[in-house]
C-alpha cells in the first residue's frame, strides 16, 4: 500500500476516534440537554450516529490536513533567493504626483 494512502487511512481513523470522544463528551456533559433528547426519543441512536458521522468527517479532514501540512520536503536544502540587498528610499523629499480628473458634465448644485 502506498505511503500516502496509509497515512490517509490512519488520519481518518484518528479523526473519527476524536469525533467519538467529542460526541461522548457532548452526551456526558449533557450539552443542550442532548442526553435527555437522545434517550427519550425513538430515533435517538440514529441521531447519535449521524452526529458522530458528521463530526467524524470534519475532524478527519482537519486531521489529514494537519498531517499533510506537517510533511517535510527534503528538496529545499539548496540555496534560496538571490542577493539580499536592502533597498534605500529617500523619504525626506516629497515626490510630485499628477492626478488629472476628467471633467464631469451635468453635475450642478441645485439651489
C-alpha atoms as a PDB file:
ATOM      1  CA  UNK A   1       0.000   0.000   0.000  1.00  0.00           C
ATOM      2  CA  UNK A   2       1.411   3.440  -0.882  1.00  0.00           C
ATOM      3  CA  UNK A   3       2.554   5.652   1.968  1.00  0.00           C
ATOM      4  CA  UNK A   4       0.063   8.406   1.176  1.00  0.00           C
ATOM      5  CA  UNK A   5      -2.957   6.069   1.266  1.00  0.00           C
ATOM      6  CA  UNK A   6      -1.769   4.515   4.510  1.00  0.00           C
ATOM      7  CA  UNK A   7      -1.308   7.979   6.024  1.00  0.00           C
ATOM      8  CA  UNK A   8      -4.801   8.973   4.844  1.00  0.00           C
ATOM      9  CA  UNK A   9      -6.454   5.907   6.388  1.00  0.00           C
ATOM     10  CA  UNK A  10      -4.609   6.348   9.691  1.00  0.00           C
ATOM     11  CA  UNK A  11      -5.504  10.027   9.949  1.00  0.00           C
ATOM     12  CA  UNK A  12      -9.152   9.411   9.042  1.00  0.00           C
ATOM     13  CA  UNK A  13      -9.327   6.763  11.773  1.00  0.00           C
ATOM     14  CA  UNK A  14      -7.782   9.223  14.236  1.00  0.00           C
ATOM     15  CA  UNK A  15     -10.294  11.890  13.177  1.00  0.00           C
ATOM     16  CA  UNK A  16     -13.266   9.560  13.698  1.00  0.00           C
ATOM     17  CA  UNK A  17     -11.873   8.496  17.080  1.00  0.00           C
ATOM     18  CA  UNK A  18     -11.625  12.153  18.113  1.00  0.00           C
ATOM     19  CA  UNK A  19     -15.196  12.633  16.903  1.00  0.00           C
ATOM     20  CA  UNK A  20     -16.342   9.690  19.031  1.00  0.00           C
ATOM     21  CA  UNK A  21     -14.700  11.255  22.089  1.00  0.00           C
ATOM     22  CA  UNK A  22     -16.265  14.615  21.221  1.00  0.00           C
ATOM     23  CA  UNK A  23     -19.786  13.189  20.842  1.00  0.00           C
ATOM     24  CA  UNK A  24     -19.306  11.159  24.028  1.00  0.00           C
ATOM     25  CA  UNK A  25     -18.379  14.332  25.894  1.00  0.00           C
ATOM     26  CA  UNK A  26     -21.401  16.125  24.435  1.00  0.00           C
ATOM     27  CA  UNK A  27     -23.629  13.384  25.787  1.00  0.00           C
ATOM     28  CA  UNK A  28     -21.782  13.009  29.122  1.00  0.00           C
ATOM     29  CA  UNK A  29     -21.899  16.719  29.959  1.00  0.00           C
ATOM     30  CA  UNK A  30     -25.481  16.913  28.653  1.00  0.00           C
ATOM     31  CA  UNK A  31     -24.811  19.918  26.427  1.00  0.00           C
ATOM     32  CA  UNK A  32     -28.120  21.479  25.302  1.00  0.00           C
ATOM     33  CA  UNK A  33     -29.940  18.651  27.127  1.00  0.00           C
ATOM     34  CA  UNK A  34     -28.695  16.273  24.436  1.00  0.00           C
ATOM     35  CA  UNK A  35     -28.601  13.174  26.654  1.00  0.00           C
ATOM     36  CA  UNK A  36     -32.284  13.577  27.520  1.00  0.00           C
ATOM     37  CA  UNK A  37     -33.215  14.119  23.869  1.00  0.00           C
ATOM     38  CA  UNK A  38     -31.301  11.035  22.736  1.00  0.00           C
ATOM     39  CA  UNK A  39     -32.552   8.702  25.468  1.00  0.00           C
ATOM     40  CA  UNK A  40     -36.191   9.756  25.259  1.00  0.00           C
ATOM     41  CA  UNK A  41     -36.597   9.548  21.501  1.00  0.00           C
ATOM     42  CA  UNK A  42     -37.228   6.620  19.185  1.00  0.00           C
ATOM     43  CA  UNK A  43     -34.558   7.780  16.764  1.00  0.00           C
ATOM     44  CA  UNK A  44     -32.012   8.832  19.383  1.00  0.00           C
ATOM     45  CA  UNK A  45     -29.463   6.202  18.353  1.00  0.00           C
ATOM     46  CA  UNK A  46     -29.716   7.345  14.742  1.00  0.00           C
ATOM     47  CA  UNK A  47     -29.200  10.947  15.839  1.00  0.00           C
ATOM     48  CA  UNK A  48     -26.053   9.994  17.763  1.00  0.00           C
ATOM     49  CA  UNK A  49     -24.755   8.071  14.742  1.00  0.00           C
ATOM     50  CA  UNK A  50     -25.364  10.999  12.391  1.00  0.00           C
ATOM     51  CA  UNK A  51     -23.782  13.416  14.868  1.00  0.00           C
ATOM     52  CA  UNK A  52     -20.717  11.160  15.105  1.00  0.00           C
ATOM     53  CA  UNK A  53     -20.545  10.717  11.317  1.00  0.00           C
ATOM     54  CA  UNK A  54     -20.792  14.450  10.572  1.00  0.00           C
ATOM     55  CA  UNK A  55     -18.211  15.354  13.212  1.00  0.00           C
ATOM     56  CA  UNK A  56     -16.036  12.466  12.060  1.00  0.00           C
ATOM     57  CA  UNK A  57     -15.949  13.805   8.520  1.00  0.00           C
ATOM     58  CA  UNK A  58     -14.927  17.246   9.766  1.00  0.00           C
ATOM     59  CA  UNK A  59     -12.333  16.013  12.270  1.00  0.00           C
ATOM     60  CA  UNK A  60     -10.884  13.506   9.771  1.00  0.00           C
ATOM     61  CA  UNK A  61     -10.458  16.254   7.190  1.00  0.00           C
ATOM     62  CA  UNK A  62      -8.773  18.530   9.691  1.00  0.00           C
ATOM     63  CA  UNK A  63      -6.539  15.731  10.964  1.00  0.00           C
ATOM     64  CA  UNK A  64      -5.419  14.805   7.457  1.00  0.00           C
ATOM     65  CA  UNK A  65      -4.843  18.458   6.524  1.00  0.00           C
ATOM     66  CA  UNK A  66      -2.634  18.916   9.572  1.00  0.00           C
ATOM     67  CA  UNK A  67      -0.697  15.758   8.693  1.00  0.00           C
ATOM     68  CA  UNK A  68      -0.144  16.908   5.108  1.00  0.00           C
ATOM     69  CA  UNK A  69       0.956  20.379   6.169  1.00  0.00           C
ATOM     70  CA  UNK A  70       3.453  18.897   8.633  1.00  0.00           C
ATOM     71  CA  UNK A  71       5.107  16.772   5.945  1.00  0.00           C
ATOM     72  CA  UNK A  72       8.677  17.841   5.327  1.00  0.00           C
ATOM     73  CA  UNK A  73      10.011  18.288   1.827  1.00  0.00           C
ATOM     74  CA  UNK A  74      13.725  17.399   1.766  1.00  0.00           C
ATOM     75  CA  UNK A  75      14.342  19.085  -1.600  1.00  0.00           C
ATOM     76  CA  UNK A  76      14.623  22.555  -0.028  1.00  0.00           C
ATOM     77  CA  UNK A  77      18.213  22.135   1.160  1.00  0.00           C
ATOM     78  CA  UNK A  78      19.729  24.149  -1.718  1.00  0.00           C
ATOM     79  CA  UNK A  79      20.334  27.881  -1.865  1.00  0.00           C
ATOM     80  CA  UNK A  80      17.312  30.151  -1.566  1.00  0.00           C
ATOM     81  CA  UNK A  81      16.622  33.509  -3.127  1.00  0.00           C
ATOM     82  CA  UNK A  82      19.035  35.928  -4.701  1.00  0.00           C
ATOM     83  CA  UNK A  83      21.067  38.753  -3.277  1.00  0.00           C
ATOM     84  CA  UNK A  84      19.691  40.192  -0.104  1.00  0.00           C
ATOM     85  CA  UNK A  85      20.474  43.835  -0.765  1.00  0.00           C
ATOM     86  CA  UNK A  86      18.451  46.443   1.121  1.00  0.00           C
ATOM     87  CA  UNK A  87      16.501  48.977  -0.895  1.00  0.00           C
ATOM     88  CA  UNK A  88      17.127  52.554   0.151  1.00  0.00           C
ATOM     89  CA  UNK A  89      14.344  55.059  -0.351  1.00  0.00           C
ATOM     90  CA  UNK A  90      14.864  58.751   0.367  1.00  0.00           C
ATOM     91  CA  UNK A  91      11.734  59.775   2.276  1.00  0.00           C
ATOM     92  CA  UNK A  92      12.933  63.265   3.130  1.00  0.00           C
ATOM     93  CA  UNK A  93      11.940  64.774  -0.248  1.00  0.00           C
ATOM     94  CA  UNK A  94       8.326  64.904  -1.418  1.00  0.00           C
ATOM     95  CA  UNK A  95       7.503  63.442  -4.803  1.00  0.00           C
ATOM     96  CA  UNK A  96       5.146  65.317  -7.149  1.00  0.00           C
ATOM     97  CA  UNK A  97       2.361  63.136  -8.486  1.00  0.00           C
ATOM     98  CA  UNK A  98      -0.065  64.421 -11.104  1.00  0.00           C
ATOM     99  CA  UNK A  99      -3.658  63.410 -10.711  1.00  0.00           C
ATOM    100  CA  UNK A 100      -5.869  64.668 -13.515  1.00  0.00           C
ATOM    101  CA  UNK A 101      -9.585  64.141 -13.120  1.00  0.00           C
ATOM    102  CA  UNK A 102     -11.820  64.140 -16.199  1.00  0.00           C
ATOM    103  CA  UNK A 103     -14.329  66.976 -16.467  1.00  0.00           C
ATOM    104  CA  UNK A 104     -17.784  65.941 -15.341  1.00  0.00           C
ATOM    105  CA  UNK A 105     -20.731  67.363 -17.235  1.00  0.00           C
ATOM    106  CA  UNK A 106     -24.238  67.668 -15.934  1.00  0.00           C
ATOM    107  CA  UNK A 107     -23.409  67.819 -12.249  1.00  0.00           C
ATOM    108  CA  UNK A 108     -24.583  71.184 -10.951  1.00  0.00           C
ATOM    109  CA  UNK A 109     -25.539  72.164  -7.447  1.00  0.00           C
ATOM    110  CA  UNK A 110     -29.230  72.875  -7.016  1.00  0.00           C
ATOM    111  CA  UNK A 111     -30.334  75.867  -5.024  1.00  0.00           C
END
